[in-house]
Amino acid sequence: MPASTFQRSSHQAISNREIADRISIRELVDAYAYCADRRDSDGQMSLFTEDTHFVMRSAKDPRPSQELHSRKALAPIFADLNKYDSTTHFIGQSAIHSLTAENATGETHCLAHLVSVTGEGRRLTVISVRYLDSFRKIDGSWFFAERIACVDWTEERTIA
């Protein structure tokens, strides 16, 4: 995001509810990576609303390469991680752009490290992803209502 469009928040007086909501949303983002790296697709799916909207696309092309419209539709996406020998998702900066009692928006950066084993040996794929998120609070818990995964770049290489 260019510096001219970034809006810094002012938190001179922040309510306990807002503090709790911000921590809960960060825990939701972290839980997504935790479940992915443990191949817990049921756990990963439980982080989304029933009517969730999930999009995969390149950051340079707004057209989705995948677009799903329900929690149940996410199962094959998350199960696809089983093809890797191991994965590590590093969550970087995470910003909440808007927050009300029931809804929020934000952006999270992630470096996904995916290790596969082939006949030629071990391969590492590193994917830089920016998640553009909309969150919804339901019965006191935060969920992903929309998650747009924008792939900024990918690198592949052989590893020992």
N, C-alpha and C. Protein backbone atom coordinates (compact mmCIF):
# COMPACT_ATOMS: atom_id res chain seq x y z
N MET A 1 0.85 -1.17 0.00
CA MET A 1 0.00 0.00 0.00
C MET A 1 0.90 1.23 0.00
N PRO A 2 0.73 2.14 -0.94
CA PRO A 2 1.56 3.35 -0.96
C PRO A 2 1.39 4.15 0.33
N ALA A 3 2.46 4.79 0.76
CA ALA A 3 2.43 5.55 2.01
C ALA A 3 1.33 6.59 2.02
N SER A 4 1.01 7.15 0.87
CA SER A 4 0.00 8.22 0.82
C SER A 4 -1.40 7.72 1.14
N THR A 5 -1.67 6.42 1.03
CA THR A 5 -3.01 5.91 1.30
C THR A 5 -3.10 5.20 2.64
N PHE A 6 -1.98 5.00 3.33
CA PHE A 6 -2.00 4.32 4.61
C PHE A 6 -2.54 5.27 5.68
N GLN A 7 -3.51 4.79 6.43
CA GLN A 7 -4.10 5.60 7.49
C GLN A 7 -3.68 5.04 8.84
N ARG A 8 -2.95 5.81 9.60
CA ARG A 8 -2.57 5.39 10.94
C ARG A 8 -3.74 5.59 11.87
N SER A 9 -3.92 4.65 12.77
CA SER A 9 -4.99 4.76 13.75
C SER A 9 -4.53 5.58 14.95
N SER A 10 -5.46 6.25 15.55
CA SER A 10 -5.18 6.97 16.77
C SER A 10 -5.89 6.24 17.90
N HIS A 11 -5.13 5.82 18.90
CA HIS A 11 -5.69 5.04 19.99
C HIS A 11 -5.45 5.71 21.34
N GLN A 12 -5.74 7.00 21.43
CA GLN A 12 -5.53 7.68 22.70
C GLN A 12 -6.40 7.09 23.80
N ALA A 13 -7.61 6.73 23.46
CA ALA A 13 -8.51 6.06 24.41
C ALA A 13 -9.14 4.89 23.67
N ILE A 14 -8.84 3.69 24.10
CA ILE A 14 -9.33 2.50 23.43
C ILE A 14 -10.10 1.68 24.47
N SER A 15 -11.26 1.21 24.07
CA SER A 15 -12.10 0.47 25.02
C SER A 15 -11.58 -0.95 25.20
N ASN A 16 -11.96 -1.54 26.30
CA ASN A 16 -11.60 -2.94 26.55
C ASN A 16 -12.20 -3.84 25.47
N ARG A 17 -13.39 -3.53 24.98
CA ARG A 17 -14.01 -4.32 23.92
C ARG A 17 -13.16 -4.27 22.66
N GLU A 18 -12.67 -3.07 22.29
CA GLU A 18 -11.84 -2.96 21.09
C GLU A 18 -10.52 -3.71 21.27
N ILE A 19 -9.94 -3.62 22.43
CA ILE A 19 -8.71 -4.37 22.69
C ILE A 19 -8.96 -5.86 22.52
N ALA A 20 -10.04 -6.36 23.14
CA ALA A 20 -10.37 -7.78 23.05
C ALA A 20 -10.67 -8.18 21.61
N ASP A 21 -11.37 -7.34 20.86
CA ASP A 21 -11.69 -7.67 19.47
C ASP A 21 -10.42 -7.72 18.62
N ARG A 22 -9.52 -6.77 18.81
CA ARG A 22 -8.28 -6.77 18.03
C ARG A 22 -7.43 -8.01 18.33
N ILE A 23 -7.35 -8.39 19.60
CA ILE A 23 -6.60 -9.59 19.96
C ILE A 23 -7.28 -10.83 19.38
N SER A 24 -8.60 -10.89 19.45
CA SER A 24 -9.34 -12.05 18.92
C SER A 24 -9.16 -12.18 17.41
N ILE A 25 -9.16 -11.07 16.70
CA ILE A 25 -8.96 -11.12 15.25
C ILE A 25 -7.54 -11.60 14.93
N ARG A 26 -6.55 -11.12 15.66
CA ARG A 26 -5.18 -11.59 15.43
C ARG A 26 -5.07 -13.09 15.72
N GLU A 27 -5.73 -13.54 16.77
CA GLU A 27 -5.72 -14.98 17.09
C GLU A 27 -6.39 -15.79 15.99
N LEU A 28 -7.43 -15.23 15.37
CA LEU A 28 -8.09 -15.89 14.24
C LEU A 28 -7.12 -16.04 13.07
N VAL A 29 -6.42 -14.98 12.74
CA VAL A 29 -5.42 -15.00 11.66
C VAL A 29 -4.34 -16.03 11.96
N ASP A 30 -3.85 -16.05 13.19
CA ASP A 30 -2.82 -17.01 13.57
C ASP A 30 -3.35 -18.44 13.53
N ALA A 31 -4.60 -18.64 13.93
CA ALA A 31 -5.21 -19.98 13.93
C ALA A 31 -5.28 -20.54 12.52
N TYR A 32 -5.51 -19.68 11.53
CA TYR A 32 -5.55 -20.11 10.14
C TYR A 32 -4.22 -20.77 9.75
N ALA A 33 -3.10 -20.13 10.07
CA ALA A 33 -1.78 -20.67 9.75
C ALA A 33 -1.49 -21.91 10.59
N TYR A 34 -1.86 -21.88 11.86
CA TYR A 34 -1.65 -23.02 12.75
C TYR A 34 -2.34 -24.26 12.19
N CYS A 35 -3.60 -24.13 11.84
CA CYS A 35 -4.37 -25.26 11.30
C CYS A 35 -3.79 -25.73 9.96
N ALA A 36 -3.39 -24.79 9.12
CA ALA A 36 -2.82 -25.16 7.82
C ALA A 36 -1.57 -26.02 8.00
N ASP A 37 -0.69 -25.62 8.91
CA ASP A 37 0.56 -26.34 9.11
C ASP A 37 0.39 -27.68 9.82
N ARG A 38 -0.76 -27.90 10.41
CA ARG A 38 -1.05 -29.18 11.06
C ARG A 38 -2.02 -30.02 10.25
N ARG A 39 -2.35 -29.56 9.05
CA ARG A 39 -3.28 -30.26 8.15
C ARG A 39 -4.63 -30.49 8.82
N ASP A 40 -5.06 -29.53 9.61
CA ASP A 40 -6.34 -29.59 10.30
C ASP A 40 -7.37 -28.83 9.48
N SER A 41 -7.83 -29.46 8.39
CA SER A 41 -8.75 -28.77 7.49
C SER A 41 -10.09 -28.48 8.16
N ASP A 42 -10.54 -29.36 9.06
CA ASP A 42 -11.79 -29.09 9.78
C ASP A 42 -11.62 -27.85 10.67
N GLY A 43 -10.49 -27.78 11.35
CA GLY A 43 -10.22 -26.61 12.18
C GLY A 43 -10.12 -25.35 11.35
N GLN A 44 -9.48 -25.45 10.21
CA GLN A 44 -9.34 -24.29 9.32
C GLN A 44 -10.72 -23.84 8.82
N MET A 45 -11.53 -24.78 8.41
CA MET A 45 -12.87 -24.44 7.91
C MET A 45 -13.72 -23.79 9.01
N SER A 46 -13.54 -24.20 10.25
CA SER A 46 -14.35 -23.67 11.36
C SER A 46 -14.08 -22.19 11.62
N LEU A 47 -13.04 -21.65 11.03
CA LEU A 47 -12.69 -20.24 11.22
C LEU A 47 -13.49 -19.31 10.30
N PHE A 48 -14.28 -19.89 9.40
CA PHE A 48 -15.02 -19.13 8.39
C PHE A 48 -16.52 -19.17 8.66
N THR A 49 -17.21 -18.11 8.23
CA THR A 49 -18.67 -18.11 8.31
C THR A 49 -19.23 -19.14 7.33
N GLU A 50 -20.44 -19.58 7.57
CA GLU A 50 -21.07 -20.57 6.69
C GLU A 50 -21.16 -20.05 5.25
N ASP A 51 -21.42 -18.74 5.09
CA ASP A 51 -21.59 -18.14 3.77
C ASP A 51 -20.33 -17.40 3.30
N THR A 52 -19.19 -17.86 3.74
CA THR A 52 -17.94 -17.18 3.45
C THR A 52 -17.69 -17.01 1.95
N HIS A 53 -16.90 -16.03 1.63
CA HIS A 53 -16.45 -15.79 0.25
C HIS A 53 -14.93 -15.88 0.28
N PHE A 54 -14.35 -16.82 -0.49
CA PHE A 54 -12.91 -17.06 -0.50
C PHE A 54 -12.42 -16.95 -1.93
N VAL A 55 -11.38 -16.15 -2.15
CA VAL A 55 -10.87 -15.88 -3.49
C VAL A 55 -9.36 -16.06 -3.50
N MET A 56 -8.86 -16.72 -4.52
CA MET A 56 -7.42 -16.80 -4.79
C MET A 56 -7.17 -16.05 -6.08
N ARG A 57 -6.14 -15.16 -6.07
CA ARG A 57 -5.81 -14.44 -7.30
C ARG A 57 -4.39 -13.93 -7.22
N SER A 58 -3.87 -13.57 -8.37
CA SER A 58 -2.58 -12.92 -8.44
C SER A 58 -2.77 -11.45 -8.09
N ALA A 59 -1.79 -10.87 -7.42
CA ALA A 59 -1.88 -9.45 -7.09
C ALA A 59 -1.90 -8.58 -8.34
N LYS A 60 -1.37 -9.10 -9.45
CA LYS A 60 -1.31 -8.32 -10.69
C LYS A 60 -2.54 -8.52 -11.58
N ASP A 61 -3.43 -9.42 -11.18
CA ASP A 61 -4.60 -9.71 -12.00
C ASP A 61 -5.82 -9.83 -11.09
N PRO A 62 -6.77 -8.92 -11.20
CA PRO A 62 -7.92 -8.96 -10.30
C PRO A 62 -8.87 -10.14 -10.54
N ARG A 63 -8.70 -10.85 -11.68
CA ARG A 63 -9.58 -11.99 -11.95
C ARG A 63 -9.20 -13.17 -11.06
N PRO A 64 -10.15 -13.75 -10.37
CA PRO A 64 -9.84 -14.87 -9.47
C PRO A 64 -9.40 -16.12 -10.23
N SER A 65 -8.42 -16.83 -9.67
CA SER A 65 -8.07 -18.14 -10.20
C SER A 65 -8.96 -19.19 -9.54
N GLN A 66 -9.45 -18.88 -8.33
CA GLN A 66 -10.43 -19.70 -7.63
C GLN A 66 -11.35 -18.78 -6.86
N GLU A 67 -12.63 -19.13 -6.80
CA GLU A 67 -13.58 -18.35 -6.04
C GLU A 67 -14.62 -19.31 -5.46
N LEU A 68 -14.76 -19.26 -4.14
CA LEU A 68 -15.66 -20.17 -3.44
C LEU A 68 -16.64 -19.37 -2.60
N HIS A 69 -17.82 -19.95 -2.38
CA HIS A 69 -18.89 -19.19 -1.73
C HIS A 69 -19.53 -19.89 -0.54
N SER A 70 -18.81 -20.75 0.15
CA SER A 70 -19.34 -21.36 1.37
C SER A 70 -18.21 -22.01 2.16
N ARG A 71 -18.45 -22.21 3.44
CA ARG A 71 -17.46 -22.89 4.29
C ARG A 71 -17.20 -24.29 3.76
N LYS A 72 -18.25 -24.98 3.40
CA LYS A 72 -18.11 -26.36 2.93
C LYS A 72 -17.25 -26.45 1.68
N ALA A 73 -17.33 -25.45 0.81
CA ALA A 73 -16.56 -25.45 -0.43
C ALA A 73 -15.05 -25.33 -0.20
N LEU A 74 -14.64 -24.95 1.00
CA LEU A 74 -13.22 -24.78 1.32
C LEU A 74 -12.50 -26.11 1.52
N ALA A 75 -13.23 -27.19 1.78
CA ALA A 75 -12.61 -28.48 2.14
C ALA A 75 -11.52 -28.92 1.15
N PRO A 76 -11.76 -28.92 -0.17
CA PRO A 76 -10.71 -29.38 -1.08
C PRO A 76 -9.48 -28.46 -1.09
N ILE A 77 -9.68 -27.17 -0.88
CA ILE A 77 -8.55 -26.22 -0.86
C ILE A 77 -7.62 -26.57 0.31
N PHE A 78 -8.19 -26.76 1.49
CA PHE A 78 -7.38 -27.03 2.67
C PHE A 78 -6.81 -28.45 2.64
N ALA A 79 -7.56 -29.40 2.11
CA ALA A 79 -7.07 -30.78 2.00
C ALA A 79 -5.89 -30.86 1.02
N ASP A 80 -5.82 -29.93 0.07
CA ASP A 80 -4.74 -29.92 -0.91
C ASP A 80 -3.36 -29.76 -0.26
N LEU A 81 -3.32 -29.22 0.95
CA LEU A 81 -2.04 -29.07 1.66
C LEU A 81 -1.42 -30.42 2.00
N ASN A 82 -2.22 -31.48 2.00
CA ASN A 82 -1.71 -32.82 2.33
C ASN A 82 -0.70 -33.33 1.31
N LYS A 83 -0.65 -32.72 0.13
CA LYS A 83 0.32 -33.16 -0.87
C LYS A 83 1.75 -32.75 -0.53
N TYR A 84 1.90 -31.84 0.43
CA TYR A 84 3.23 -31.37 0.82
C TYR A 84 3.77 -32.19 1.98
N ASP A 85 5.09 -32.39 1.98
CA ASP A 85 5.75 -33.10 3.07
C ASP A 85 5.67 -32.28 4.36
N SER A 86 5.83 -30.96 4.23
CA SER A 86 5.67 -30.06 5.38
C SER A 86 5.38 -28.66 4.87
N THR A 87 4.78 -27.86 5.75
CA THR A 87 4.50 -26.46 5.43
C THR A 87 4.78 -25.61 6.66
N THR A 88 5.15 -24.38 6.42
CA THR A 88 5.28 -23.39 7.48
C THR A 88 4.76 -22.07 6.93
N HIS A 89 3.75 -21.55 7.59
CA HIS A 89 3.17 -20.27 7.21
C HIS A 89 3.62 -19.22 8.23
N PHE A 90 4.46 -18.27 7.79
CA PHE A 90 4.91 -17.19 8.65
C PHE A 90 3.97 -16.00 8.48
N ILE A 91 3.31 -15.62 9.55
CA ILE A 91 2.41 -14.47 9.52
C ILE A 91 3.23 -13.23 9.85
N GLY A 92 3.17 -12.25 8.98
CA GLY A 92 3.91 -11.01 9.18
C GLY A 92 2.99 -9.92 9.70
N GLN A 93 3.14 -8.73 9.15
CA GLN A 93 2.32 -7.62 9.62
C GLN A 93 0.85 -7.89 9.34
N SER A 94 0.04 -7.44 10.26
CA SER A 94 -1.40 -7.62 10.16
C SER A 94 -2.04 -6.33 10.64
N ALA A 95 -2.86 -5.73 9.80
CA ALA A 95 -3.47 -4.45 10.14
C ALA A 95 -4.99 -4.57 10.09
N ILE A 96 -5.64 -3.96 11.04
CA ILE A 96 -7.10 -3.85 11.01
C ILE A 96 -7.41 -2.46 10.49
N HIS A 97 -8.15 -2.41 9.37
CA HIS A 97 -8.46 -1.12 8.74
C HIS A 97 -9.74 -0.50 9.29
N SER A 98 -10.72 -1.34 9.62
CA SER A 98 -11.96 -0.84 10.20
C SER A 98 -12.45 -1.86 11.21
N LEU A 99 -13.12 -1.35 12.25
CA LEU A 99 -13.60 -2.23 13.31
C LEU A 99 -14.85 -1.64 13.94
N THR A 100 -15.92 -2.42 13.91
CA THR A 100 -17.14 -2.07 14.64
C THR A 100 -17.43 -3.24 15.58
N ALA A 101 -18.53 -3.18 16.28
CA ALA A 101 -18.87 -4.24 17.23
C ALA A 101 -19.09 -5.59 16.54
N GLU A 102 -19.50 -5.58 15.26
CA GLU A 102 -19.86 -6.83 14.58
C GLU A 102 -19.04 -7.13 13.32
N ASN A 103 -18.32 -6.14 12.78
CA ASN A 103 -17.59 -6.33 11.52
C ASN A 103 -16.23 -5.65 11.58
N ALA A 104 -15.32 -6.17 10.77
CA ALA A 104 -13.99 -5.57 10.67
C ALA A 104 -13.41 -5.91 9.31
N THR A 105 -12.43 -5.12 8.90
CA THR A 105 -11.66 -5.41 7.69
C THR A 105 -10.20 -5.29 8.04
N GLY A 106 -9.37 -5.99 7.28
CA GLY A 106 -7.95 -5.92 7.55
C GLY A 106 -7.13 -6.55 6.45
N GLU A 107 -5.82 -6.53 6.65
CA GLU A 107 -4.88 -7.08 5.69
C GLU A 107 -3.76 -7.77 6.46
N THR A 108 -3.40 -8.96 6.01
CA THR A 108 -2.35 -9.75 6.65
C THR A 108 -1.37 -10.23 5.60
N HIS A 109 -0.10 -10.16 5.90
CA HIS A 109 0.95 -10.65 5.01
C HIS A 109 1.43 -12.00 5.53
N CYS A 110 1.71 -12.91 4.59
CA CYS A 110 2.13 -14.26 4.95
C CYS A 110 3.17 -14.76 3.95
N LEU A 111 4.18 -15.46 4.45
CA LEU A 111 5.10 -16.20 3.61
C LEU A 111 4.83 -17.68 3.87
N ALA A 112 4.29 -18.35 2.86
CA ALA A 112 3.99 -19.77 2.96
C ALA A 112 5.16 -20.55 2.39
N HIS A 113 5.73 -21.44 3.20
CA HIS A 113 6.84 -22.30 2.79
C HIS A 113 6.27 -23.71 2.64
N LEU A 114 6.34 -24.25 1.43
CA LEU A 114 5.74 -25.54 1.12
C LEU A 114 6.83 -26.48 0.63
N VAL A 115 7.05 -27.57 1.34
CA VAL A 115 8.10 -28.53 0.99
C VAL A 115 7.45 -29.76 0.38
N SER A 116 7.91 -30.11 -0.82
CA SER A 116 7.42 -31.31 -1.49
C SER A 116 8.61 -32.23 -1.77
N VAL A 117 8.30 -33.52 -1.86
CA VAL A 117 9.33 -34.52 -2.16
C VAL A 117 8.94 -35.17 -3.48
N THR A 118 9.88 -35.12 -4.43
CA THR A 118 9.66 -35.72 -5.74
C THR A 118 10.77 -36.72 -6.02
N GLY A 119 10.72 -37.34 -7.17
CA GLY A 119 11.78 -38.27 -7.56
C GLY A 119 13.14 -37.60 -7.66
N GLU A 120 13.13 -36.29 -7.90
CA GLU A 120 14.38 -35.53 -8.01
C GLU A 120 14.86 -34.99 -6.67
N GLY A 121 14.10 -35.17 -5.60
CA GLY A 121 14.50 -34.68 -4.28
C GLY A 121 13.46 -33.75 -3.68
N ARG A 122 13.93 -32.96 -2.72
CA ARG A 122 13.03 -32.04 -2.01
C ARG A 122 13.00 -30.69 -2.69
N ARG A 123 11.80 -30.12 -2.80
CA ARG A 123 11.61 -28.80 -3.42
C ARG A 123 10.91 -27.91 -2.42
N LEU A 124 11.34 -26.66 -2.40
CA LEU A 124 10.70 -25.65 -1.56
C LEU A 124 10.02 -24.64 -2.45
N THR A 125 8.76 -24.39 -2.18
CA THR A 125 8.03 -23.32 -2.83
C THR A 125 7.70 -22.29 -1.75
N VAL A 126 8.09 -21.04 -1.99
CA VAL A 126 7.77 -19.95 -1.08
C VAL A 126 6.79 -19.04 -1.80
N ILE A 127 5.68 -18.75 -1.15
CA ILE A 127 4.64 -17.91 -1.74
C ILE A 127 4.40 -16.72 -0.83
N SER A 128 4.51 -15.53 -1.38
CA SER A 128 4.18 -14.31 -0.64
C SER A 128 2.71 -13.99 -0.90
N VAL A 129 1.93 -13.99 0.18
CA VAL A 129 0.48 -13.79 0.07
C VAL A 129 0.07 -12.61 0.94
N ARG A 130 -0.79 -11.77 0.38
CA ARG A 130 -1.47 -10.73 1.16
C ARG A 130 -2.93 -11.12 1.22
N TYR A 131 -3.43 -11.27 2.42
CA TYR A 131 -4.85 -11.60 2.61
C TYR A 131 -5.61 -10.32 2.89
N LEU A 132 -6.62 -10.06 2.06
CA LEU A 132 -7.52 -8.94 2.28
C LEU A 132 -8.78 -9.55 2.92
N ASP A 133 -9.00 -9.21 4.17
CA ASP A 133 -10.02 -9.90 4.97
C ASP A 133 -11.17 -9.01 5.38
N SER A 134 -12.34 -9.64 5.42
CA SER A 134 -13.51 -9.09 6.09
C SER A 134 -13.88 -10.08 7.17
N PHE A 135 -14.10 -9.57 8.37
CA PHE A 135 -14.39 -10.40 9.53
C PHE A 135 -15.82 -10.11 10.02
N ARG A 136 -16.43 -11.13 10.62
CA ARG A 136 -17.76 -10.95 11.20
C ARG A 136 -17.78 -11.60 12.58
N LYS A 137 -18.36 -10.89 13.54
CA LYS A 137 -18.49 -11.42 14.89
C LYS A 137 -19.86 -12.07 15.03
N ILE A 138 -19.86 -13.34 15.41
CA ILE A 138 -21.09 -14.10 15.57
C ILE A 138 -21.06 -14.74 16.96
N ASP A 139 -22.08 -14.45 17.75
CA ASP A 139 -22.18 -15.01 19.11
C ASP A 139 -20.88 -14.83 19.90
N GLY A 140 -20.28 -13.66 19.76
CA GLY A 140 -19.09 -13.33 20.54
C GLY A 140 -17.76 -13.79 19.97
N SER A 141 -17.77 -14.51 18.83
CA SER A 141 -16.53 -15.00 18.23
C SER A 141 -16.36 -14.41 16.83
N TRP A 142 -15.10 -14.13 16.47
CA TRP A 142 -14.79 -13.58 15.16
C TRP A 142 -14.52 -14.70 14.16
N PHE A 143 -14.98 -14.48 12.91
CA PHE A 143 -14.81 -15.43 11.81
C PHE A 143 -14.39 -14.66 10.56
N PHE A 144 -13.77 -15.37 9.62
CA PHE A 144 -13.54 -14.79 8.30
C PHE A 144 -14.87 -14.83 7.55
N ALA A 145 -15.34 -13.67 7.11
CA ALA A 145 -16.53 -13.60 6.26
C ALA A 145 -16.11 -13.58 4.79
N GLU A 146 -14.94 -12.98 4.54
CA GLU A 146 -14.36 -12.97 3.19
C GLU A 146 -12.85 -12.98 3.35
N ARG A 147 -12.19 -13.78 2.52
CA ARG A 147 -10.72 -13.82 2.52
C ARG A 147 -10.29 -13.85 1.07
N ILE A 148 -9.61 -12.78 0.66
CA ILE A 148 -9.06 -12.69 -0.69
C ILE A 148 -7.55 -12.85 -0.58
N ALA A 149 -7.05 -13.94 -1.13
CA ALA A 149 -5.62 -14.24 -1.08
C ALA A 149 -4.98 -13.73 -2.36
N CYS A 150 -4.16 -12.70 -2.21
CA CYS A 150 -3.46 -12.09 -3.35
C CYS A 150 -2.02 -12.57 -3.34
N VAL A 151 -1.64 -13.35 -4.33
CA VAL A 151 -0.28 -13.86 -4.42
C VAL A 151 0.59 -12.79 -5.08
N ASP A 152 1.57 -12.28 -4.30
CA ASP A 152 2.47 -11.26 -4.82
C ASP A 152 3.62 -11.87 -5.63
N TRP A 153 4.18 -12.97 -5.13
CA TRP A 153 5.26 -13.64 -5.85
C TRP A 153 5.41 -15.06 -5.34
N THR A 154 6.07 -15.87 -6.16
CA THR A 154 6.35 -17.27 -5.84
C THR A 154 7.78 -17.58 -6.23
N GLU A 155 8.46 -18.37 -5.40
CA GLU A 155 9.81 -18.82 -5.71
C GLU A 155 9.87 -20.32 -5.46
N GLU A 156 10.53 -21.05 -6.35
CA GLU A 156 10.72 -22.49 -6.18
C GLU A 156 12.20 -22.81 -6.29
N ARG A 157 12.65 -23.76 -5.46
CA ARG A 157 14.05 -24.17 -5.52
C ARG A 157 14.21 -25.55 -4.89
N THR A 158 15.31 -26.19 -5.23
CA THR A 158 15.67 -27.46 -4.63
C THR A 158 16.30 -27.19 -3.28
N ILE A 159 15.97 -28.04 -2.30
CA ILE A 159 16.59 -27.90 -0.98
C ILE A 159 17.20 -29.24 -0.56
N ALA A 160 18.09 -29.21 0.41
CA ALA A 160 18.78 -30.43 0.89
C ALA A 160 17.84 -31.27 1.71
